[in-house]
């Protein structure tokens, strides 16, 4: 112990992640492109509130990241393809 009362105790060094720990558990997840709610709204040409309603209703799958949502791009394309109707 040091005689200097202002000396701070050292924090333990952080463990560095190995390359294996940095890789996603599922290789397919590294290929997924996620869109923000604003990007989904732009693609679908609807309001952000409509996208939030769709996510909360379970019509559009999403991942929660902190306080925001991310929607897989494929889910948006699948939703639009399934919602397409033929007129006339």
PDB file of N, CA and C in Angstrom:
ATOM      1  N   UNK A   1       0.849  -1.171   0.000  1.00  0.00           N
ATOM      2  CA  UNK A   1       0.000   0.000   0.000  1.00  0.00           C
ATOM      3  C   UNK A   1       0.884   1.220   0.000  1.00  0.00           C
ATOM      4  N   UNK A   2       0.464   2.267  -0.671  1.00  0.00           N
ATOM      5  CA  UNK A   2       1.246   3.491  -0.782  1.00  0.00           C
ATOM      6  C   UNK A   2       0.984   4.390   0.411  1.00  0.00           C
ATOM      7  N   UNK A   3       1.961   5.239   0.746  1.00  0.00           N
ATOM      8  CA  UNK A   3       1.779   6.209   1.823  1.00  0.00           C
ATOM      9  C   UNK A   3       0.953   7.399   1.356  1.00  0.00           C
ATOM     10  N   UNK A   4       0.749   7.544   0.035  1.00  0.00           N
ATOM     11  CA  UNK A   4       0.009   8.675  -0.516  1.00  0.00           C
ATOM     12  C   UNK A   4      -1.492   8.391  -0.404  1.00  0.00           C
ATOM     13  N   UNK A   5      -2.247   9.164   0.443  1.00  0.00           N
ATOM     14  CA  UNK A   5      -3.683   8.899   0.607  1.00  0.00           C
ATOM     15  C   UNK A   5      -4.486   9.201  -0.653  1.00  0.00           C
ATOM     16  N   UNK A   6      -3.957  10.007  -1.593  1.00  0.00           N
ATOM     17  CA  UNK A   6      -4.713  10.331  -2.805  1.00  0.00           C
ATOM     18  C   UNK A   6      -4.541   9.275  -3.898  1.00  0.00           C
ATOM     19  N   UNK A   7      -3.686   8.297  -3.655  1.00  0.00           N
ATOM     20  CA  UNK A   7      -3.468   7.260  -4.664  1.00  0.00           C
ATOM     21  C   UNK A   7      -4.725   6.398  -4.798  1.00  0.00           C
ATOM     22  N   UNK A   8      -5.161   6.225  -6.034  1.00  0.00           N
ATOM     23  CA  UNK A   8      -6.348   5.420  -6.322  1.00  0.00           C
ATOM     24  C   UNK A   8      -5.952   3.961  -6.502  1.00  0.00           C
ATOM     25  N   UNK A   9      -6.780   3.042  -6.009  1.00  0.00           N
ATOM     26  CA  UNK A   9      -6.484   1.631  -6.273  1.00  0.00           C
ATOM     27  C   UNK A   9      -6.630   1.355  -7.770  1.00  0.00           C
ATOM     28  N   UNK A  10      -5.797   0.499  -8.292  1.00  0.00           N
ATOM     29  CA  UNK A  10      -5.841   0.167  -9.713  1.00  0.00           C
ATOM     30  C   UNK A  10      -7.026  -0.733 -10.015  1.00  0.00           C
ATOM     31  N   UNK A  11      -7.679  -0.449 -11.133  1.00  0.00           N
ATOM     32  CA  UNK A  11      -8.764  -1.318 -11.597  1.00  0.00           C
ATOM     33  C   UNK A  11      -8.148  -2.499 -12.329  1.00  0.00           C
ATOM     34  N   UNK A  12      -8.764  -3.672 -12.206  1.00  0.00           N
ATOM     35  CA  UNK A  12      -8.228  -4.811 -12.951  1.00  0.00           C
ATOM     36  C   UNK A  12      -8.387  -4.565 -14.452  1.00  0.00           C
ATOM     37  N   UNK A  13      -7.432  -5.016 -15.228  1.00  0.00           N
ATOM     38  CA  UNK A  13      -7.489  -4.843 -16.682  1.00  0.00           C
ATOM     39  C   UNK A  13      -8.642  -5.662 -17.248  1.00  0.00           C
ATOM     40  N   UNK A  14      -9.287  -5.097 -18.279  1.00  0.00           N
ATOM     41  CA  UNK A  14     -10.380  -5.825 -18.934  1.00  0.00           C
ATOM     42  C   UNK A  14      -9.821  -6.968 -19.764  1.00  0.00           C
ATOM     43  N   UNK A  15     -10.566  -8.060 -19.777  1.00  0.00           N
ATOM     44  CA  UNK A  15     -10.166  -9.212 -20.577  1.00  0.00           C
ATOM     45  C   UNK A  15     -10.492  -8.920 -22.040  1.00  0.00           C
ATOM     46  N   UNK A  16      -9.536  -9.136 -22.902  1.00  0.00           N
ATOM     47  CA  UNK A  16      -9.751  -8.930 -24.332  1.00  0.00           C
ATOM     48  C   UNK A  16     -10.537 -10.117 -24.892  1.00  0.00           C
ATOM     49  N   UNK A  17     -11.503  -9.807 -25.752  1.00  0.00           N
ATOM     50  CA  UNK A  17     -12.298 -10.865 -26.380  1.00  0.00           C
ATOM     51  C   UNK A  17     -11.458 -11.572 -27.435  1.00  0.00           C
ATOM     52  N   UNK A  18     -11.613 -12.867 -27.504  1.00  0.00           N
ATOM     53  CA  UNK A  18     -10.922 -13.635 -28.537  1.00  0.00           C
ATOM     54  C   UNK A  18     -11.745 -13.566 -29.819  1.00  0.00           C
ATOM     55  N   UNK A  19     -11.143 -13.826 -30.965  1.00  0.00           N
ATOM     56  CA  UNK A  19     -11.905 -13.792 -32.215  1.00  0.00           C
ATOM     57  C   UNK A  19     -13.117 -14.712 -32.200  1.00  0.00           C
ATOM     58  N   UNK A  20     -13.018 -15.858 -31.534  1.00  0.00           N
ATOM     59  CA  UNK A  20     -14.155 -16.781 -31.455  1.00  0.00           C
ATOM     60  C   UNK A  20     -15.311 -16.159 -30.679  1.00  0.00           C
ATOM     61  N   UNK A  21     -14.994 -15.363 -29.668  1.00  0.00           N
ATOM     62  CA  UNK A  21     -16.045 -14.720 -28.876  1.00  0.00           C
ATOM     63  C   UNK A  21     -16.692 -13.563 -29.626  1.00  0.00           C
ATOM     64  N   UNK A  22     -15.993 -12.994 -30.580  1.00  0.00           N
ATOM     65  CA  UNK A  22     -16.532 -11.875 -31.346  1.00  0.00           C
ATOM     66  C   UNK A  22     -17.464 -12.332 -32.462  1.00  0.00           C
ATOM     67  N   UNK A  23     -17.331 -13.558 -32.893  1.00  0.00           N
ATOM     68  CA  UNK A  23     -18.195 -14.083 -33.952  1.00  0.00           C
ATOM     69  C   UNK A  23     -19.588 -14.339 -33.427  1.00  0.00           C
ATOM     70  N   UNK A  24     -20.630 -14.071 -34.246  1.00  0.00           N
ATOM     71  CA  UNK A  24     -21.986 -14.389 -33.806  1.00  0.00           C
ATOM     72  C   UNK A  24     -22.154 -15.888 -33.627  1.00  0.00           C
ATOM     73  N   UNK A  25     -23.018 -16.284 -32.718  1.00  0.00           N
ATOM     74  CA  UNK A  25     -23.263 -17.700 -32.455  1.00  0.00           C
ATOM     75  C   UNK A  25     -23.847 -18.385 -33.685  1.00  0.00           C
ATOM     76  N   UNK A  26     -24.717 -17.683 -34.410  1.00  0.00           N
ATOM     77  CA  UNK A  26     -25.351 -18.230 -35.605  1.00  0.00           C
ATOM     78  C   UNK A  26     -24.784 -17.504 -36.819  1.00  0.00           C
ATOM     79  N   UNK A  27     -24.053 -18.205 -37.683  1.00  0.00           N
ATOM     80  CA  UNK A  27     -23.452 -17.531 -38.833  1.00  0.00           C
ATOM     81  C   UNK A  27     -24.475 -16.813 -39.705  1.00  0.00           C
ATOM     82  N   UNK A  28     -25.706 -17.296 -39.751  1.00  0.00           N
ATOM     83  CA  UNK A  28     -26.728 -16.661 -40.565  1.00  0.00           C
ATOM     84  C   UNK A  28     -27.065 -15.262 -40.051  1.00  0.00           C
ATOM     85  N   UNK A  29     -26.889 -15.009 -38.763  1.00  0.00           N
ATOM     86  CA  UNK A  29     -27.198 -13.693 -38.205  1.00  0.00           C
ATOM     87  C   UNK A  29     -26.263 -12.620 -38.727  1.00  0.00           C
ATOM     88  N   UNK A  30     -25.061 -12.997 -39.105  1.00  0.00           N
ATOM     89  CA  UNK A  30     -24.130 -11.998 -39.610  1.00  0.00           C
ATOM     90  C   UNK A  30     -24.549 -11.490 -40.985  1.00  0.00           C
ATOM     91  N   UNK A  31     -25.424 -12.233 -41.659  1.00  0.00           N
ATOM     92  CA  UNK A  31     -25.895 -11.830 -42.984  1.00  0.00           C
ATOM     93  C   UNK A  31     -27.180 -11.009 -42.934  1.00  0.00           C
ATOM     94  N   UNK A  32     -27.809 -10.902 -41.773  1.00  0.00           N
ATOM     95  CA  UNK A  32     -29.076 -10.184 -41.655  1.00  0.00           C
ATOM     96  C   UNK A  32     -28.822  -8.688 -41.677  1.00  0.00           C
ATOM     97  N   UNK A  33     -29.592  -7.981 -42.506  1.00  0.00           N
ATOM     98  CA  UNK A  33     -29.506  -6.522 -42.524  1.00  0.00           C
ATOM     99  C   UNK A  33     -30.722  -5.992 -41.766  1.00  0.00           C
ATOM    100  N   UNK A  34     -30.469  -5.155 -40.779  1.00  0.00           N
ATOM    101  CA  UNK A  34     -31.540  -4.588 -39.977  1.00  0.00           C
ATOM    102  C   UNK A  34     -31.816  -3.152 -40.401  1.00  0.00           C
ATOM    103  N   UNK A  35     -33.093  -2.773 -40.371  1.00  0.00           N
ATOM    104  CA  UNK A  35     -33.517  -1.425 -40.709  1.00  0.00           C
ATOM    105  C   UNK A  35     -34.092  -0.742 -39.476  1.00  0.00           C
ATOM    106  N   UNK A  36     -33.924   0.566 -39.402  1.00  0.00           N
ATOM    107  CA  UNK A  36     -34.550   1.329 -38.326  1.00  0.00           C
ATOM    108  C   UNK A  36     -36.027   1.506 -38.652  1.00  0.00           C
ATOM    109  N   UNK A  37     -36.789   1.938 -37.664  1.00  0.00           N
ATOM    110  CA  UNK A  37     -38.218   2.192 -37.873  1.00  0.00           C
ATOM    111  C   UNK A  37     -38.398   3.260 -38.956  1.00  0.00           C
ATOM    112  N   UNK A  38     -37.569   4.289 -38.938  1.00  0.00           N
ATOM    113  CA  UNK A  38     -37.661   5.345 -39.950  1.00  0.00           C
ATOM    114  C   UNK A  38     -37.381   4.800 -41.355  1.00  0.00           C
ATOM    115  N   UNK A  39     -36.405   3.910 -41.473  1.00  0.00           N
ATOM    116  CA  UNK A  39     -36.099   3.317 -42.775  1.00  0.00           C
ATOM    117  C   UNK A  39     -37.242   2.444 -43.259  1.00  0.00           C
ATOM    118  N   UNK A  40     -37.850   1.675 -42.352  1.00  0.00           N
ATOM    119  CA  UNK A  40     -38.997   0.838 -42.720  1.00  0.00           C
ATOM    120  C   UNK A  40     -40.153   1.724 -43.179  1.00  0.00           C
ATOM    121  N   UNK A  41     -40.399   2.795 -42.444  1.00  0.00           N
ATOM    122  CA  UNK A  41     -41.481   3.713 -42.807  1.00  0.00           C
ATOM    123  C   UNK A  41     -41.241   4.298 -44.195  1.00  0.00           C
ATOM    124  N   UNK A  42     -39.996   4.626 -44.501  1.00  0.00           N
ATOM    125  CA  UNK A  42     -39.670   5.181 -45.808  1.00  0.00           C
ATOM    126  C   UNK A  42     -39.892   4.160 -46.922  1.00  0.00           C
ATOM    127  N   UNK A  43     -39.449   2.928 -46.694  1.00  0.00           N
ATOM    128  CA  UNK A  43     -39.618   1.870 -47.698  1.00  0.00           C
ATOM    129  C   UNK A  43     -41.096   1.596 -47.947  1.00  0.00           C
ATOM    130  N   UNK A  44     -41.875   1.551 -46.864  1.00  0.00           N
ATOM    131  CA  UNK A  44     -43.302   1.229 -46.981  1.00  0.00           C
ATOM    132  C   UNK A  44     -44.161   2.454 -47.282  1.00  0.00           C
ATOM    133  N   UNK A  45     -43.548   3.638 -47.195  1.00  0.00           N
ATOM    134  CA  UNK A  45     -44.244   4.903 -47.421  1.00  0.00           C
ATOM    135  C   UNK A  45     -45.433   5.068 -46.477  1.00  0.00           C
ATOM    136  N   UNK A  46     -45.147   4.815 -45.196  1.00  0.00           N
ATOM    137  CA  UNK A  46     -46.127   5.007 -44.118  1.00  0.00           C
ATOM    138  C   UNK A  46     -45.427   5.807 -43.013  1.00  0.00           C
ATOM    139  N   UNK A  47     -46.170   6.174 -41.984  1.00  0.00           N
ATOM    140  CA  UNK A  47     -45.562   6.912 -40.875  1.00  0.00           C
ATOM    141  C   UNK A  47     -44.809   5.960 -39.948  1.00  0.00           C
ATOM    142  N   UNK A  48     -43.911   6.542 -39.150  1.00  0.00           N
ATOM    143  CA  UNK A  48     -43.196   5.732 -38.163  1.00  0.00           C
ATOM    144  C   UNK A  48     -44.180   5.131 -37.169  1.00  0.00           C
ATOM    145  N   UNK A  49     -45.239   5.863 -36.815  1.00  0.00           N
ATOM    146  CA  UNK A  49     -46.225   5.344 -35.870  1.00  0.00           C
ATOM    147  C   UNK A  49     -46.896   4.087 -36.428  1.00  0.00           C
ATOM    148  N   UNK A  50     -47.137   4.047 -37.719  1.00  0.00           N
ATOM    149  CA  UNK A  50     -47.720   2.848 -38.333  1.00  0.00           C
ATOM    150  C   UNK A  50     -46.776   1.663 -38.174  1.00  0.00           C
ATOM    151  N   UNK A  51     -45.495   1.898 -38.359  1.00  0.00           N
ATOM    152  CA  UNK A  51     -44.511   0.817 -38.198  1.00  0.00           C
ATOM    153  C   UNK A  51     -44.501   0.349 -36.747  1.00  0.00           C
ATOM    154  N   UNK A  52     -44.500   1.285 -35.795  1.00  0.00           N
ATOM    155  CA  UNK A  52     -44.540   0.905 -34.373  1.00  0.00           C
ATOM    156  C   UNK A  52     -45.790   0.077 -34.076  1.00  0.00           C
ATOM    157  N   UNK A  53     -46.923   0.468 -34.606  1.00  0.00           N
ATOM    158  CA  UNK A  53     -48.166  -0.296 -34.384  1.00  0.00           C
ATOM    159  C   UNK A  53     -48.042  -1.705 -34.945  1.00  0.00           C
ATOM    160  N   UNK A  54     -47.454  -1.824 -36.130  1.00  0.00           N
ATOM    161  CA  UNK A  54     -47.283  -3.144 -36.748  1.00  0.00           C
ATOM    162  C   UNK A  54     -46.360  -4.024 -35.908  1.00  0.00           C
ATOM    163  N   UNK A  55     -45.307  -3.436 -35.381  1.00  0.00           N
ATOM    164  CA  UNK A  55     -44.372  -4.198 -34.540  1.00  0.00           C
ATOM    165  C   UNK A  55     -45.076  -4.650 -33.268  1.00  0.00           C
ATOM    166  N   UNK A  56     -45.773  -3.733 -32.598  1.00  0.00           N
ATOM    167  CA  UNK A  56     -46.443  -4.079 -31.337  1.00  0.00           C
ATOM    168  C   UNK A  56     -47.592  -5.063 -31.543  1.00  0.00           C
ATOM    169  N   UNK A  57     -48.214  -5.026 -32.718  1.00  0.00           N
ATOM    170  CA  UNK A  57     -49.315  -5.958 -33.014  1.00  0.00           C
ATOM    171  C   UNK A  57     -48.798  -7.330 -33.442  1.00  0.00           C
ATOM    172  N   UNK A  58     -47.484  -7.446 -33.684  1.00  0.00           N
ATOM    173  CA  UNK A  58     -46.919  -8.723 -34.100  1.00  0.00           C
ATOM    174  C   UNK A  58     -46.994  -8.946 -35.598  1.00  0.00           C
ATOM    175  N   UNK A  59     -47.415  -7.942 -36.361  1.00  0.00           N
ATOM    176  CA  UNK A  59     -47.504  -8.084 -37.816  1.00  0.00           C
ATOM    177  C   UNK A  59     -46.131  -8.022 -38.476  1.00  0.00           C
ATOM    178  N   UNK A  60     -45.189  -7.350 -37.804  1.00  0.00           N
ATOM    179  CA  UNK A  60     -43.853  -7.172 -38.344  1.00  0.00           C
ATOM    180  C   UNK A  60     -42.852  -7.532 -37.247  1.00  0.00           C
ATOM    181  N   UNK A  61     -42.035  -8.568 -37.476  1.00  0.00           N
ATOM    182  CA  UNK A  61     -41.064  -8.956 -36.438  1.00  0.00           C
ATOM    183  C   UNK A  61     -39.987  -7.891 -36.280  1.00  0.00           C
ATOM    184  N   UNK A  62     -39.533  -7.717 -35.056  1.00  0.00           N
ATOM    185  CA  UNK A  62     -38.495  -6.731 -34.779  1.00  0.00           C
ATOM    186  C   UNK A  62     -37.660  -7.183 -33.596  1.00  0.00           C
ATOM    187  N   UNK A  63     -36.478  -6.619 -33.509  1.00  0.00           N
ATOM    188  CA  UNK A  63     -35.566  -6.874 -32.399  1.00  0.00           C
ATOM    189  C   UNK A  63     -35.442  -5.577 -31.626  1.00  0.00           C
ATOM    190  N   UNK A  64     -35.543  -5.666 -30.318  1.00  0.00           N
ATOM    191  CA  UNK A  64     -35.392  -4.469 -29.503  1.00  0.00           C
ATOM    192  C   UNK A  64     -33.922  -4.294 -29.145  1.00  0.00           C
ATOM    193  N   UNK A  65     -33.391  -3.118 -29.440  1.00  0.00           N
ATOM    194  CA  UNK A  65     -32.010  -2.785 -29.127  1.00  0.00           C
ATOM    195  C   UNK A  65     -32.057  -1.543 -28.256  1.00  0.00           C
ATOM    196  N   UNK A  66     -31.824  -1.739 -26.968  1.00  0.00           N
ATOM    197  CA  UNK A  66     -31.967  -0.613 -26.040  1.00  0.00           C
ATOM    198  C   UNK A  66     -33.418  -0.157 -26.021  1.00  0.00           C
ATOM    199  N   UNK A  67     -33.639   1.091 -26.376  1.00  0.00           N
ATOM    200  CA  UNK A  67     -35.001   1.626 -26.391  1.00  0.00           C
ATOM    201  C   UNK A  67     -35.574   1.719 -27.803  1.00  0.00           C
ATOM    202  N   UNK A  68     -34.860   1.192 -28.787  1.00  0.00           N
ATOM    203  CA  UNK A  68     -35.338   1.282 -30.160  1.00  0.00           C
ATOM    204  C   UNK A  68     -35.526  -0.105 -30.758  1.00  0.00           C
ATOM    205  N   UNK A  69     -36.151  -0.136 -31.915  1.00  0.00           N
ATOM    206  CA  UNK A  69     -36.411  -1.393 -32.614  1.00  0.00           C
ATOM    207  C   UNK A  69     -35.618  -1.444 -33.906  1.00  0.00           C
ATOM    208  N   UNK A  70     -35.244  -2.651 -34.291  1.00  0.00           N
ATOM    209  CA  UNK A  70     -34.642  -2.896 -35.591  1.00  0.00           C
ATOM    210  C   UNK A  70     -35.437  -4.012 -36.247  1.00  0.00           C
ATOM    211  N   UNK A  71     -35.738  -3.819 -37.516  1.00  0.00           N
ATOM    212  CA  UNK A  71     -36.563  -4.771 -38.259  1.00  0.00           C
ATOM    213  C   UNK A  71     -35.698  -5.419 -39.336  1.00  0.00           C
ATOM    214  N   UNK A  72     -35.700  -6.752 -39.407  1.00  0.00           N
ATOM    215  CA  UNK A  72     -34.936  -7.411 -40.477  1.00  0.00           C
ATOM    216  C   UNK A  72     -35.483  -6.992 -41.847  1.00  0.00           C
ATOM    217  N   UNK A  73     -34.583  -6.643 -42.748  1.00  0.00           N
ATOM    218  CA  UNK A  73     -35.001  -6.196 -44.081  1.00  0.00           C
ATOM    219  C   UNK A  73     -35.862  -7.248 -44.777  1.00  0.00           C
ATOM    220  N   UNK A  74     -35.509  -8.511 -44.608  1.00  0.00           N
ATOM    221  CA  UNK A  74     -36.281  -9.596 -45.232  1.00  0.00           C
ATOM    222  C   UNK A  74     -37.724  -9.611 -44.716  1.00  0.00           C
ATOM    223  N   UNK A  75     -37.926  -9.279 -43.443  1.00  0.00           N
ATOM    224  CA  UNK A  75     -39.278  -9.265 -42.878  1.00  0.00           C
ATOM    225  C   UNK A  75     -40.139  -8.193 -43.548  1.00  0.00           C
ATOM    226  N   UNK A  76     -39.528  -7.062 -43.880  1.00  0.00           N
ATOM    227  CA  UNK A  76     -40.267  -5.997 -44.571  1.00  0.00           C
ATOM    228  C   UNK A  76     -40.658  -6.473 -45.962  1.00  0.00           C
ATOM    229  N   UNK A  77     -39.705  -7.075 -46.679  1.00  0.00           N
ATOM    230  CA  UNK A  77     -40.004  -7.574 -48.025  1.00  0.00           C
ATOM    231  C   UNK A  77     -41.056  -8.682 -47.989  1.00  0.00           C
ATOM    232  N   UNK A  78     -40.958  -9.583 -47.018  1.00  0.00           N
ATOM    233  CA  UNK A  78     -41.949 -10.659 -46.883  1.00  0.00           C
ATOM    234  C   UNK A  78     -43.336 -10.082 -46.597  1.00  0.00           C
ATOM    235  N   UNK A  79     -43.400  -9.091 -45.709  1.00  0.00           N
ATOM    236  CA  UNK A  79     -44.685  -8.477 -45.369  1.00  0.00           C
ATOM    237  C   UNK A  79     -45.309  -7.841 -46.606  1.00  0.00           C
ATOM    238  N   UNK A  80     -44.516  -7.088 -47.350  1.00  0.00           N
ATOM    239  CA  UNK A  80     -45.040  -6.413 -48.536  1.00  0.00           C
ATOM    240  C   UNK A  80     -45.475  -7.422 -49.597  1.00  0.00           C
ATOM    241  N   UNK A  81     -44.690  -8.493 -49.786  1.00  0.00           N
ATOM    242  CA  UNK A  81     -45.051  -9.526 -50.762  1.00  0.00           C
ATOM    243  C   UNK A  81     -46.369 -10.201 -50.383  1.00  0.00           C
ATOM    244  N   UNK A  82     -46.530 -10.516 -49.086  1.00  0.00           N
ATOM    245  CA  UNK A  82     -47.745 -11.201 -48.631  1.00  0.00           C
ATOM    246  C   UNK A  82     -48.960 -10.271 -48.624  1.00  0.00           C
ATOM    247  N   UNK A  83     -48.732  -8.961 -48.482  1.00  0.00           N
ATOM    248  CA  UNK A  83     -49.827  -8.014 -48.427  1.00  0.00           C
ATOM    249  C   UNK A  83     -50.285  -7.570 -49.812  1.00  0.00           C
ATOM    250  N   UNK A  84     -49.520  -7.925 -50.831  1.00  0.00           N
ATOM    251  CA  UNK A  84     -49.833  -7.503 -52.205  1.00  0.00           C
ATOM    252  C   UNK A  84     -51.143  -8.134 -52.657  1.00  0.00           C
ATOM    253  N   UNK A  85     -52.017  -7.307 -53.216  1.00  0.00           N
ATOM    254  CA  UNK A  85     -53.276  -7.831 -53.757  1.00  0.00           C
ATOM    255  C   UNK A  85     -53.378  -7.427 -55.224  1.00  0.00           C
ATOM    256  N   UNK A  86     -54.071  -8.223 -55.985  1.00  0.00           N
ATOM    257  CA  UNK A  86     -54.281  -7.909 -57.387  1.00  0.00           C
ATOM    258  C   UNK A  86     -55.603  -7.176 -57.522  1.00  0.00           C
ATOM    259  N   UNK A  87     -55.565  -6.037 -58.144  1.00  0.00           N
ATOM    260  CA  UNK A  87     -56.776  -5.241 -58.341  1.00  0.00           C
ATOM    261  C   UNK A  87     -57.423  -5.606 -59.675  1.00  0.00           C
ATOM    262  N   UNK A  88     -58.728  -5.543 -59.681  1.00  0.00           N
ATOM    263  CA  UNK A  88     -59.475  -5.652 -60.924  1.00  0.00           C
ATOM    264  C   UNK A  88     -59.703  -7.007 -61.373  1.00  0.00           C
TER     265      UNK A  88
END
